[in-house]
Structures are given as C-alpha cells and as structure tokens.
C-alpha cells in the first residue's frame, strides 16, 4: 500500500519533474512514510493481540499492563507458551503461590526465558538442601530475583558458605537472607569482608558481628566509608565495642544519618533535654533515636500532661518511647487512674514497671487481683480494641 501511494505521487501529471517538484515529492514521501509507520504503532498499541507473543503472554497470563509488557518483552524471545509455562510450573512445584510467581516475573521478566531444568532447578535444590522452606525460597527470590542470574557455583554457593562459616549456622544465614535477600547477591569478598574486618579492627567480637549480619544485614549494604564513620562516632559516644548495645548503636546511626540525628535531637531539646540527656537515652536504648518525631512528641506529651512526669523521666527510661501509645500506654494508664481514683491502691506504682510488664503479668498485678476485675478488664479491653 505504501509503495502504491508513492508510485502514484511520482507518476502524477506529465513531463519530467523539476528540482522543486522533486523536493516536494521527497517531502511528501517522508510524510507518508511517517504516517504509515505511526499508524502501525497506534494500531498495535490499540490492539494488544497484534503484539508479539511475549507481550500477549505477559498481559494475558501475568497481568502486565501494555506499557510494562512492551518494556519487559524486549529481552524475551519465546514464541510459544511451552517455555514460560514450564517456568511457572517449576515454581509451583516448589510451593510458590500465584502472587509470588507473578511478583517475581514483574521484577525479573527474564526469568520466563530461563531453562527450568538447567537454571532454575539447581538453584531451587541448593536452597532447599540448606534447609530453606518453600516460603523462605519464595520470599528470598521475590526480594532479589537477580539471584537467578548469578552463577550458582561461582557466586551463590561461595557467598552462602562464607556467611555460614561466620554465623556458624545455615539457619542464621537463612534468617539474614530473609531480612535482606541481597546479602546473597552481593559479592562476599568485595562487600562483606571489608565490613567484617573494620568491626574486628575496632574490637567488636565475632558474636556481635554475627548478630549484626543475622538481624540487620541491610546495615552492611551501605557505603563502607559511611559505615566506618558510624563505628567511629559510636566509639566517641562512649560505647564499649565488646557490648551488644554497640552494634545496635552502629545500626541506628547508619540508618539515621547526620540529618536524621539532628532532627531527633531538636525534638528532644524542645522538651528540655540537653545533649547529655540525649546521649544517656541513646546509650540505654539506641532505638529511641529511631522513633519518629511525631511519635516522640505524642509520647512526651502523654507522660508530661497525663501521667504527671518530668520529661527527663524518659531519658532515664527511653524504652517507654518504643511502646504503642494506643495499644499499650493509654489502656494501662486508664486502669491505673481507675485504681487511684477508687483508692484501690495507695500510691502510683513505678511507671516503668507498669508499662514494661508483659500482658499476663500486668493483668495479674493490676486487674485480676481486685474485686472490680470485670470492670477493670472491660475498661482495659475496650480501650485496647479501639486501637485495632
């Protein structure tokens, strides 16, 4: 059709075309070519059925939008459903649910071009042999599907073994990978060992390094220079590198950053805390600096205005900043006020004890031991239920 239109224009009229005519005809040729190509694109986008098979498969089988399917299909070459269907079947054999499979495909569409027996099966079998459950494998691969593109022999296995030697347990490696699947993706010698060496140089014992990797592996995914500064700053704040709280403080600083630290200190200072008070709280419970500014303000206001406390009480007991205001602090405070108002107790108990007690112990000490237990329990439960 395009050739016919061009031919019609070129032969329209009589006589030899002039230079001007030739230029005009070339311009029309260019316009018609663009018009023809654009009409094909519009037609294809309007009708996904005219797209390549990978695009249709991604849309109809995996729930992709047209735009996402077009982008993802660039490296997919299958023309029949046998290949991608075999991939999906392989994942289902290992307990992946549909949501897991389609989430993995959306994050790593190239998985549909993998050879199920040569590429997927050895990796799935390796993870399974290390004690991972089907749920573990799905969680880790959905979190870091790029692992499927890493060499099993030269990368994944050495990384896993390096972590296992350090943590002294395959189960702890699995816990670390669940917390941060990329820990198996990063090159161990290049990314993991420098962090380990740095901590050892500062006197951090092996057990604490293992705790860091197992519980907070994302902390060693940051820039090494940033991590080094955090370690040095924690030492300057007076922490003992051999203590468990040292690692927690490093984790907090590495995640918080200088700007985050300054924002939190401004909030605490607005309640009359000094730099020394902030450091006291930080040493006792580093996580107190991870609490959001709005949460700090709300809990401070609660203790100062409702519980008649000095704000510095929380510097001495920073763990109180970590509890839910709606689910724990307010319901227990209502029980306490009821007991005091009805003179069921002579004086206010230690507030830290009141709020730190487990649920079972709190009910034993402040609810079930009174004749008014049904009324107290209803008051407590009703307020707790409001927070759900």
Protein backbone atom coordinates (compact mmCIF):
# COMPACT_ATOMS: atom_id res chain seq x y z
CA UNK A 1 0.00 0.00 0.00
CA UNK A 2 2.83 2.37 0.91
CA UNK A 3 4.67 1.56 -2.35
CA UNK A 4 1.49 2.15 -4.36
CA UNK A 5 0.92 5.60 -2.81
CA UNK A 6 4.49 6.68 -3.53
CA UNK A 7 4.29 5.42 -7.10
CA UNK A 8 1.03 7.27 -7.66
CA UNK A 9 2.53 10.56 -6.50
CA UNK A 10 5.70 10.17 -8.56
CA UNK A 11 3.78 9.46 -11.77
CA UNK A 12 1.04 12.00 -11.26
CA UNK A 13 0.95 14.59 -14.01
CA UNK A 14 3.15 14.67 -17.10
CA UNK A 15 6.61 15.77 -18.02
CA UNK A 16 9.97 15.50 -16.32
CA UNK A 17 9.81 16.70 -12.68
CA UNK A 18 11.69 19.88 -11.85
CA UNK A 19 14.08 20.24 -8.88
CA UNK A 20 11.34 21.94 -6.88
CA UNK A 21 8.92 19.19 -7.79
CA UNK A 22 11.43 16.54 -6.79
CA UNK A 23 11.96 18.18 -3.39
CA UNK A 24 8.21 18.43 -2.90
CA UNK A 25 7.78 14.77 -3.81
CA UNK A 26 10.55 13.73 -1.40
CA UNK A 27 8.85 15.74 1.35
CA UNK A 28 5.54 14.01 0.62
CA UNK A 29 7.35 10.66 0.57
CA UNK A 30 8.77 11.40 4.04
CA UNK A 31 5.39 12.47 5.40
CA UNK A 32 3.66 9.39 4.01
CA UNK A 33 6.37 7.12 5.43
CA UNK A 34 5.97 8.62 8.91
CA UNK A 35 2.19 8.50 8.61
CA UNK A 36 2.35 4.83 7.65
CA UNK A 37 4.73 3.89 10.46
CA UNK A 38 2.80 5.87 13.09
CA UNK A 39 -0.47 4.31 12.02
CA UNK A 40 1.08 0.87 12.55
CA UNK A 41 2.24 1.83 16.06
CA UNK A 42 -1.15 3.24 17.03
CA UNK A 43 -2.90 0.18 15.64
CA UNK A 44 -0.59 -2.17 17.56
CA UNK A 45 -0.97 -0.28 20.84
CA UNK A 46 -4.73 -0.20 20.46
CA UNK A 47 -4.85 -3.92 19.80
CA UNK A 48 -2.53 -5.99 22.03
CA UNK A 49 -3.44 -9.12 20.09
CA UNK A 50 -1.28 -7.86 17.23
CA UNK A 51 1.76 -7.60 19.50
CA UNK A 52 4.49 -10.20 19.77
CA UNK A 53 3.73 -13.39 21.65
CA UNK A 54 5.81 -12.41 24.75
CA UNK A 55 3.80 -9.19 25.07
CA UNK A 56 0.50 -11.04 24.79
CA UNK A 57 1.70 -13.65 27.28
CA UNK A 58 2.76 -11.05 29.84
CA UNK A 59 -0.56 -9.22 29.53
CA UNK A 60 -2.91 -12.19 29.48
CA UNK A 61 -1.06 -14.65 31.74
CA UNK A 62 0.89 -12.42 34.13
CA UNK A 63 -1.31 -9.33 34.48
CA UNK A 64 1.12 -6.81 32.98
CA UNK A 65 -0.09 -3.50 31.61
CA UNK A 66 0.59 -2.90 27.92
CA UNK A 67 3.39 -0.44 28.66
CA UNK A 68 5.06 -2.76 31.17
CA UNK A 69 4.70 -5.73 28.83
CA UNK A 70 6.26 -3.85 25.91
CA UNK A 71 9.21 -2.83 28.08
CA UNK A 72 9.68 -6.25 29.68
CA UNK A 73 9.39 -8.18 26.41
CA UNK A 74 12.49 -6.64 24.83
CA UNK A 75 14.70 -9.48 26.07
CA UNK A 76 12.14 -12.26 25.72
CA UNK A 77 12.23 -14.37 22.57
CA UNK A 78 9.85 -17.28 23.16
CA UNK A 79 7.11 -17.70 20.54
CA UNK A 80 5.05 -20.46 22.15
CA UNK A 81 3.82 -20.86 25.75
CA UNK A 82 5.76 -24.06 26.47
CA UNK A 83 8.87 -22.29 27.81
CA UNK A 84 7.23 -19.75 30.18
CA UNK A 85 4.60 -22.28 31.24
CA UNK A 86 7.37 -24.68 32.27
CA UNK A 87 8.99 -21.92 34.35
CA UNK A 88 5.74 -21.17 36.16
CA UNK A 89 5.12 -24.88 36.71
CA UNK A 90 8.61 -25.27 38.22
CA UNK A 91 7.95 -22.52 40.77
CA UNK A 92 4.58 -24.01 41.66
CA UNK A 93 6.30 -27.34 42.33
CA UNK A 94 8.35 -25.55 44.97
CA UNK A 95 5.34 -24.07 46.70
CA UNK A 96 5.27 -20.61 45.12
CA UNK A 97 1.77 -19.17 45.12
CA UNK A 98 0.46 -17.24 42.11
CA UNK A 99 1.12 -13.89 43.79
CA UNK A 100 4.76 -14.84 44.44
CA UNK A 101 5.29 -16.06 40.88
CA UNK A 102 3.80 -13.00 39.21
CA UNK A 103 5.62 -10.65 41.58
CA UNK A 104 8.89 -12.35 40.70
CA UNK A 105 8.12 -12.15 36.96
CA UNK A 106 7.28 -8.46 37.21
CA UNK A 107 10.57 -7.75 38.96
CA UNK A 108 12.60 -10.04 36.68
CA UNK A 109 10.73 -10.83 33.42
CA UNK A 110 13.79 -12.62 32.00
CA UNK A 111 13.04 -15.50 34.35
CA UNK A 112 10.48 -16.66 31.77
CA UNK A 113 13.35 -17.34 29.36
CA UNK A 114 15.31 -19.39 31.90
CA UNK A 115 15.76 -23.09 31.32
CA UNK A 116 13.72 -24.68 34.15
CA UNK A 117 15.91 -27.78 34.43
CA UNK A 118 19.35 -26.26 33.86
CA UNK A 119 18.95 -22.85 35.51
CA UNK A 120 16.07 -22.86 37.99
CA UNK A 121 16.11 -26.41 39.36
CA UNK A 122 19.76 -26.42 40.56
CA UNK A 123 19.24 -23.14 42.43
CA UNK A 124 15.97 -24.22 44.00
CA UNK A 125 17.51 -27.55 45.00
CA UNK A 126 20.52 -25.77 46.51
CA UNK A 127 18.36 -23.51 48.69
CA UNK A 128 16.21 -26.47 49.67
CA UNK A 129 19.31 -28.51 50.62
CA UNK A 130 20.38 -25.74 53.00
CA UNK A 131 17.17 -26.04 54.98
CA UNK A 132 15.09 -23.30 53.40
CA UNK A 133 11.36 -23.85 53.40
CA UNK A 134 9.27 -23.18 50.30
CA UNK A 135 8.16 -19.93 51.93
CA UNK A 136 11.78 -18.92 52.57
CA UNK A 137 12.78 -19.56 48.96
CA UNK A 138 9.80 -17.62 47.60
CA UNK A 139 10.45 -14.69 49.95
CA UNK A 140 14.17 -14.51 49.10
CA UNK A 141 13.80 -14.85 45.32
CA UNK A 142 10.91 -12.38 45.17
CA UNK A 143 13.02 -9.97 47.20
CA UNK A 144 16.09 -10.45 45.00
CA UNK A 145 15.19 -12.23 41.73
CA UNK A 146 18.59 -11.21 40.33
CA UNK A 147 19.96 -14.18 42.29
CA UNK A 148 18.63 -16.33 39.46
CA UNK A 149 21.11 -14.64 37.16
CA UNK A 150 24.11 -15.23 39.43
CA UNK A 151 26.36 -18.24 38.95
CA UNK A 152 25.42 -20.93 41.44
CA UNK A 153 28.91 -22.42 41.51
CA UNK A 154 30.98 -19.23 41.46
CA UNK A 155 28.78 -16.83 43.43
CA UNK A 156 25.70 -18.05 45.30
CA UNK A 157 27.30 -21.13 46.88
CA UNK A 158 30.54 -19.37 47.99
CA UNK A 159 28.50 -16.49 49.42
CA UNK A 160 26.26 -18.82 51.37
CA UNK A 161 29.23 -20.81 52.69
CA UNK A 162 31.08 -17.64 53.71
CA UNK A 163 28.07 -16.48 55.71
CA UNK A 164 27.59 -19.93 57.20
CA UNK A 165 31.21 -20.02 58.39
CA UNK A 166 30.78 -16.63 60.03
CA UNK A 167 27.35 -17.21 61.57
CA UNK A 168 28.12 -20.86 62.43
CA UNK A 169 24.67 -21.90 61.26
CA UNK A 170 22.84 -22.33 57.95
CA UNK A 171 19.64 -21.32 59.73
CA UNK A 172 21.15 -17.97 60.67
CA UNK A 173 22.16 -17.42 57.04
CA UNK A 174 18.55 -18.06 56.08
CA UNK A 175 17.39 -15.53 58.70
CA UNK A 176 19.84 -12.97 57.34
CA UNK A 177 18.69 -13.62 53.77
CA UNK A 178 15.05 -13.23 54.80
CA UNK A 179 15.90 -9.87 56.35
CA UNK A 180 17.87 -8.80 53.28
CA UNK A 181 17.87 -11.16 50.26
CA UNK A 182 20.58 -9.06 48.62
CA UNK A 183 23.12 -10.36 51.13
CA UNK A 184 23.37 -13.49 48.95
CA UNK A 185 23.62 -11.37 45.81
CA UNK A 186 26.46 -9.08 46.85
CA UNK A 187 29.96 -10.41 46.32
CA UNK A 188 31.12 -11.63 49.74
CA UNK A 189 34.84 -10.95 49.33
CA UNK A 190 34.23 -7.50 47.91
CA UNK A 191 31.34 -6.24 50.05
CA UNK A 192 31.07 -8.35 53.18
CA UNK A 193 34.65 -8.93 54.28
CA UNK A 194 35.63 -5.21 54.44
CA UNK A 195 32.81 -4.58 56.93
CA UNK A 196 33.82 -7.60 59.00
CA UNK A 197 37.48 -6.54 59.02
CA UNK A 198 36.52 -2.99 60.05
CA UNK A 199 34.49 -4.18 63.03
CA UNK A 200 37.19 -6.63 64.10
CA UNK A 201 39.79 -3.85 63.94
CA UNK A 202 37.65 -1.87 66.41
CA UNK A 203 37.45 -4.78 68.82
CA UNK A 204 33.92 -5.96 68.06
CA UNK A 205 33.71 -9.68 68.93
CA UNK A 206 32.72 -12.27 66.36
CA UNK A 207 29.41 -12.98 68.11
CA UNK A 208 28.32 -9.35 67.78
CA UNK A 209 29.37 -9.20 64.13
CA UNK A 210 27.30 -12.32 63.53
CA UNK A 211 24.36 -10.66 65.31
CA UNK A 212 24.65 -7.64 63.02
CA UNK A 213 24.68 -9.75 59.85
CA UNK A 214 21.86 -12.01 61.00
CA UNK A 215 19.49 -9.35 62.35
CA UNK A 216 20.38 -6.15 60.48
CA UNK A 217 22.08 -7.20 57.23
CA UNK A 218 20.94 -4.04 55.42
CA UNK A 219 23.31 -2.05 57.62
CA UNK A 220 26.28 -3.56 55.81
CA UNK A 221 24.76 -2.74 52.44
CA UNK A 222 25.64 0.95 52.87
CA UNK A 223 28.80 2.73 51.76
CA UNK A 224 31.83 1.41 53.66
CA UNK A 225 33.09 4.93 54.41
CA UNK A 226 29.71 5.89 55.87
CA UNK A 227 29.71 2.73 57.97
CA UNK A 228 33.26 3.46 59.19
CA UNK A 229 32.22 6.96 60.31
CA UNK A 230 29.26 5.48 62.21
CA UNK A 231 31.51 2.99 64.01
CA UNK A 232 33.96 5.73 64.96
CA UNK A 233 31.16 8.04 66.13
CA UNK A 234 29.64 5.33 68.32
CA UNK A 235 33.04 4.80 69.93
CA UNK A 236 33.32 8.55 70.53
CA UNK A 237 29.95 8.47 72.30
CA UNK A 238 31.44 6.14 74.87
CA UNK A 239 30.16 2.73 73.83
CA UNK A 240 32.16 -0.39 74.58
CA UNK A 241 32.79 -2.26 71.28
CA UNK A 242 32.51 -5.59 73.08
CA UNK A 243 28.95 -4.88 74.28
CA UNK A 244 25.80 -5.89 72.43
CA UNK A 245 24.48 -2.33 72.50
CA UNK A 246 27.49 -1.14 70.46
CA UNK A 247 26.24 -2.91 67.34
CA UNK A 248 22.71 -1.59 67.85
CA UNK A 249 24.04 1.95 68.09
CA UNK A 250 26.01 1.46 64.86
CA UNK A 251 22.87 0.17 63.13
CA UNK A 252 20.86 3.19 64.28
CA UNK A 253 23.47 5.72 63.18
CA UNK A 254 23.99 4.03 59.82
CA UNK A 255 20.26 4.18 59.11
CA UNK A 256 19.59 7.55 60.70
CA UNK A 257 22.42 9.62 59.24
CA UNK A 258 23.60 13.01 60.46
CA UNK A 259 20.48 14.88 59.31
CA UNK A 260 18.18 12.36 60.99
CA UNK A 261 20.14 12.58 64.24
CA UNK A 262 19.85 16.37 64.23
CA UNK A 263 16.08 16.25 63.62
CA UNK A 264 15.57 13.93 66.60
CA UNK A 265 17.80 15.98 68.91
CA UNK A 266 15.82 19.13 68.07
CA UNK A 267 12.61 17.40 69.18
CA UNK A 268 14.13 16.11 72.42
CA UNK A 269 15.65 19.50 73.20
CA UNK A 270 12.22 21.10 72.77
CA UNK A 271 11.24 19.08 75.86
CA UNK A 272 14.17 20.38 77.87
CA UNK A 273 16.68 17.63 77.20
CA UNK A 274 20.36 18.50 76.97
CA UNK A 275 22.92 16.85 74.68
CA UNK A 276 24.00 14.81 77.70
CA UNK A 277 20.41 13.65 78.33
CA UNK A 278 20.10 12.57 74.70
CA UNK A 279 23.33 10.58 74.94
CA UNK A 280 22.15 8.95 78.18
CA UNK A 281 18.95 7.80 76.45
CA UNK A 282 20.87 6.71 73.36
CA UNK A 283 23.30 4.62 75.41
CA UNK A 284 20.46 2.92 77.27
CA UNK A 285 18.37 2.26 74.18
CA UNK A 286 19.72 3.29 70.75
CA UNK A 287 16.35 2.51 69.14
CA UNK A 288 14.88 5.53 70.96
CA UNK A 289 16.50 7.68 68.26
CA UNK A 290 14.72 5.72 65.53
CA UNK A 291 11.31 6.76 66.83
CA UNK A 292 9.58 9.25 64.53
CA UNK A 293 9.42 12.90 65.56
CA UNK A 294 5.62 12.80 65.77
CA UNK A 295 5.74 9.69 67.99
CA UNK A 296 8.32 11.32 70.29
CA UNK A 297 6.11 14.40 70.64
CA UNK A 298 2.98 12.35 71.33
CA UNK A 299 4.60 10.09 73.96
CA UNK A 300 6.33 13.03 75.67
CA UNK A 301 3.04 14.91 75.84
CA UNK A 302 1.30 11.84 77.26
CA UNK A 303 3.79 11.33 80.09
CA UNK A 304 4.16 15.01 80.97
CA UNK A 305 0.49 16.02 80.76
CA UNK A 306 -1.40 12.80 81.54
CA UNK A 307 1.00 10.92 83.79
CA UNK A 308 2.41 13.98 85.61
CA UNK A 309 6.03 13.06 84.83
CA UNK A 310 9.10 15.14 84.18
CA UNK A 311 10.24 14.87 80.58
CA UNK A 312 13.66 13.69 81.79
CA UNK A 313 11.99 10.57 83.18
CA UNK A 314 12.00 9.26 79.62
CA UNK A 315 15.71 9.98 79.24
CA UNK A 316 16.24 7.54 82.10
CA UNK A 317 13.68 5.08 80.68
CA UNK A 318 13.87 5.53 76.87
CA UNK A 319 12.31 2.11 76.30
CA UNK A 320 8.95 3.77 77.08
CA UNK A 321 9.26 5.71 73.83
CA UNK A 322 9.09 2.45 71.90
CA UNK A 323 5.64 1.34 73.09
CA UNK A 324 2.43 1.97 71.20
CA UNK A 325 0.50 4.87 72.67
CA UNK A 326 -2.89 3.48 71.64
CA UNK A 327 -2.32 -0.23 72.27
CA UNK A 328 -0.27 -0.16 75.47
CA UNK A 329 0.31 3.17 77.19
CA UNK A 330 -3.20 4.65 77.19
CA UNK A 331 -5.08 1.42 78.12
CA UNK A 332 -2.76 0.75 81.07
CA UNK A 333 -2.91 4.39 82.16
CA UNK A 334 -6.72 4.19 82.28
CA UNK A 335 -6.51 1.16 84.56
CA UNK A 336 -4.03 2.98 86.81
CA UNK A 337 -6.22 6.08 87.04
CA UNK A 338 -9.24 3.92 87.90
CA UNK A 339 -7.31 2.23 90.71
CA UNK A 340 -6.10 5.54 92.13
CA UNK A 341 -9.46 7.28 91.78
CA UNK A 342 -11.26 4.48 93.60
CA UNK A 343 -8.47 4.19 96.19
CA UNK A 344 -7.83 0.58 95.33
CA UNK A 345 -4.10 1.31 95.59
CA UNK A 346 -2.39 3.77 97.92
CA UNK A 347 0.16 5.30 95.59
CA UNK A 348 1.23 5.42 91.99
CA UNK A 349 3.49 2.45 91.16
CA UNK A 350 6.74 2.71 89.27
CA UNK A 351 5.59 3.70 85.79
CA UNK A 352 8.41 1.93 84.04
CA UNK A 353 7.35 -1.29 85.74
CA UNK A 354 3.69 -0.70 84.93
CA UNK A 355 4.32 -0.29 81.21
CA UNK A 356 7.14 -2.81 80.82
CA UNK A 357 5.25 -5.71 82.39
CA UNK A 358 4.11 -8.39 79.95
CA UNK A 359 0.39 -8.58 79.24
CA UNK A 360 -0.01 -11.59 81.53
CA UNK A 361 1.89 -10.02 84.43
CA UNK A 362 0.11 -6.67 84.05
CA UNK A 363 -3.30 -8.34 84.32
CA UNK A 364 -2.18 -10.33 87.37
CA UNK A 365 -0.79 -7.28 89.20
CA UNK A 366 -3.27 -4.56 88.26
CA UNK A 367 -6.54 -6.19 87.15
CA UNK A 368 -7.33 -9.73 88.23
CA UNK A 369 -6.31 -9.30 91.87
CA UNK A 370 -9.15 -6.81 92.55
CA UNK A 371 -12.85 -7.45 93.16
CA UNK A 372 -13.54 -4.91 90.42
CA UNK A 373 -11.65 -7.08 87.94
CA UNK A 374 -14.57 -7.45 85.47
CA UNK A 375 -14.99 -3.67 85.29
CA UNK A 376 -11.25 -3.10 85.04
CA UNK A 377 -10.86 -5.73 82.36
CA UNK A 378 -13.68 -4.23 80.31
CA UNK A 379 -12.13 -0.78 80.59
CA UNK A 380 -8.77 -2.15 79.52
CA UNK A 381 -10.09 -4.31 76.68
CA UNK A 382 -12.40 -1.63 75.29
CA UNK A 383 -9.56 0.87 75.03
CA UNK A 384 -7.20 -1.71 73.55
CA UNK A 385 -9.79 -2.72 70.97
CA UNK A 386 -10.13 0.88 69.81
CA UNK A 387 -6.53 0.75 68.65
CA UNK A 388 -7.09 -2.31 66.46
